[in-house]
């Protein structure tokens, strides 16, 4: 448990990927793994748009 706590402080995504989360149904687990890259792309585009819009 101590290793998971330390890992979650240093790299939360890694800790979650290695059992630091509650058990979830396999269908939900697969869906999140499949959709995560698209979610990250959306966040990146939104941030880039906000930065571009804030330029003088």
C-alpha atoms as a PDB file:
ATOM      1  CA  UNK A   1       0.000   0.000   0.000  1.00  0.00           C
ATOM      2  CA  UNK A   2       2.855   2.348   0.783  1.00  0.00           C
ATOM      3  CA  UNK A   3       4.198   1.887  -2.752  1.00  0.00           C
ATOM      4  CA  UNK A   4       0.812   2.795  -4.274  1.00  0.00           C
ATOM      5  CA  UNK A   5       0.559   5.939  -2.169  1.00  0.00           C
ATOM      6  CA  UNK A   6       4.061   7.040  -3.159  1.00  0.00           C
ATOM      7  CA  UNK A   7       3.391   6.195  -6.791  1.00  0.00           C
ATOM      8  CA  UNK A   8       0.084   8.075  -6.759  1.00  0.00           C
ATOM      9  CA  UNK A   9       1.850  11.204  -5.547  1.00  0.00           C
ATOM     10  CA  UNK A  10       4.577  10.999  -8.181  1.00  0.00           C
ATOM     11  CA  UNK A  11       2.565   9.697 -11.132  1.00  0.00           C
ATOM     12  CA  UNK A  12      -1.191   9.443 -10.504  1.00  0.00           C
ATOM     13  CA  UNK A  13      -1.988   7.990 -13.932  1.00  0.00           C
ATOM     14  CA  UNK A  14       0.495   5.177 -13.466  1.00  0.00           C
ATOM     15  CA  UNK A  15      -0.868   4.324 -10.036  1.00  0.00           C
ATOM     16  CA  UNK A  16      -4.418   4.145 -11.376  1.00  0.00           C
ATOM     17  CA  UNK A  17      -3.300   1.953 -14.254  1.00  0.00           C
ATOM     18  CA  UNK A  18      -1.673  -0.498 -11.852  1.00  0.00           C
ATOM     19  CA  UNK A  19      -4.526  -1.238  -9.483  1.00  0.00           C
ATOM     20  CA  UNK A  20      -4.826   1.983  -7.494  1.00  0.00           C
ATOM     21  CA  UNK A  21      -8.530   2.279  -8.322  1.00  0.00           C
ATOM     22  CA  UNK A  22     -11.688   0.469  -7.343  1.00  0.00           C
ATOM     23  CA  UNK A  23     -12.688  -2.528  -9.466  1.00  0.00           C
ATOM     24  CA  UNK A  24     -14.740  -1.552 -12.521  1.00  0.00           C
ATOM     25  CA  UNK A  25     -16.654  -3.685 -15.038  1.00  0.00           C
ATOM     26  CA  UNK A  26     -14.533  -4.783 -18.001  1.00  0.00           C
ATOM     27  CA  UNK A  27     -16.807  -2.973 -20.478  1.00  0.00           C
ATOM     28  CA  UNK A  28     -16.242   0.359 -18.720  1.00  0.00           C
ATOM     29  CA  UNK A  29     -12.516  -0.327 -18.393  1.00  0.00           C
ATOM     30  CA  UNK A  30     -12.138  -0.964 -22.122  1.00  0.00           C
ATOM     31  CA  UNK A  31     -14.249   2.056 -23.031  1.00  0.00           C
ATOM     32  CA  UNK A  32     -12.106   4.405 -20.957  1.00  0.00           C
ATOM     33  CA  UNK A  33      -8.892   3.032 -22.447  1.00  0.00           C
ATOM     34  CA  UNK A  34     -10.278   3.457 -25.949  1.00  0.00           C
ATOM     35  CA  UNK A  35     -11.665   6.958 -25.413  1.00  0.00           C
ATOM     36  CA  UNK A  36      -8.814   8.439 -23.362  1.00  0.00           C
ATOM     37  CA  UNK A  37      -6.645   9.535 -26.327  1.00  0.00           C
ATOM     38  CA  UNK A  38      -9.601  11.353 -27.902  1.00  0.00           C
ATOM     39  CA  UNK A  39     -10.405  13.083 -24.625  1.00  0.00           C
ATOM     40  CA  UNK A  40      -6.815  14.237 -24.298  1.00  0.00           C
ATOM     41  CA  UNK A  41      -6.871  15.558 -27.865  1.00  0.00           C
ATOM     42  CA  UNK A  42     -10.009  17.572 -27.122  1.00  0.00           C
ATOM     43  CA  UNK A  43      -8.420  19.064 -24.008  1.00  0.00           C
ATOM     44  CA  UNK A  44      -5.269  19.931 -25.998  1.00  0.00           C
ATOM     45  CA  UNK A  45      -7.307  21.648 -28.733  1.00  0.00           C
ATOM     46  CA  UNK A  46      -9.318  23.643 -26.187  1.00  0.00           C
ATOM     47  CA  UNK A  47      -6.162  24.793 -24.387  1.00  0.00           C
ATOM     48  CA  UNK A  48      -4.473  25.689 -27.689  1.00  0.00           C
ATOM     49  CA  UNK A  49      -7.562  27.649 -28.733  1.00  0.00           C
ATOM     50  CA  UNK A  50      -7.648  29.560 -25.470  1.00  0.00           C
ATOM     51  CA  UNK A  51      -3.957  30.401 -25.745  1.00  0.00           C
ATOM     52  CA  UNK A  52      -4.377  31.480 -29.367  1.00  0.00           C
ATOM     53  CA  UNK A  53      -7.393  33.624 -28.469  1.00  0.00           C
ATOM     54  CA  UNK A  54      -5.577  35.305 -25.562  1.00  0.00           C
ATOM     55  CA  UNK A  55      -2.740  36.503 -27.794  1.00  0.00           C
ATOM     56  CA  UNK A  56      -2.719  40.283 -28.338  1.00  0.00           C
END
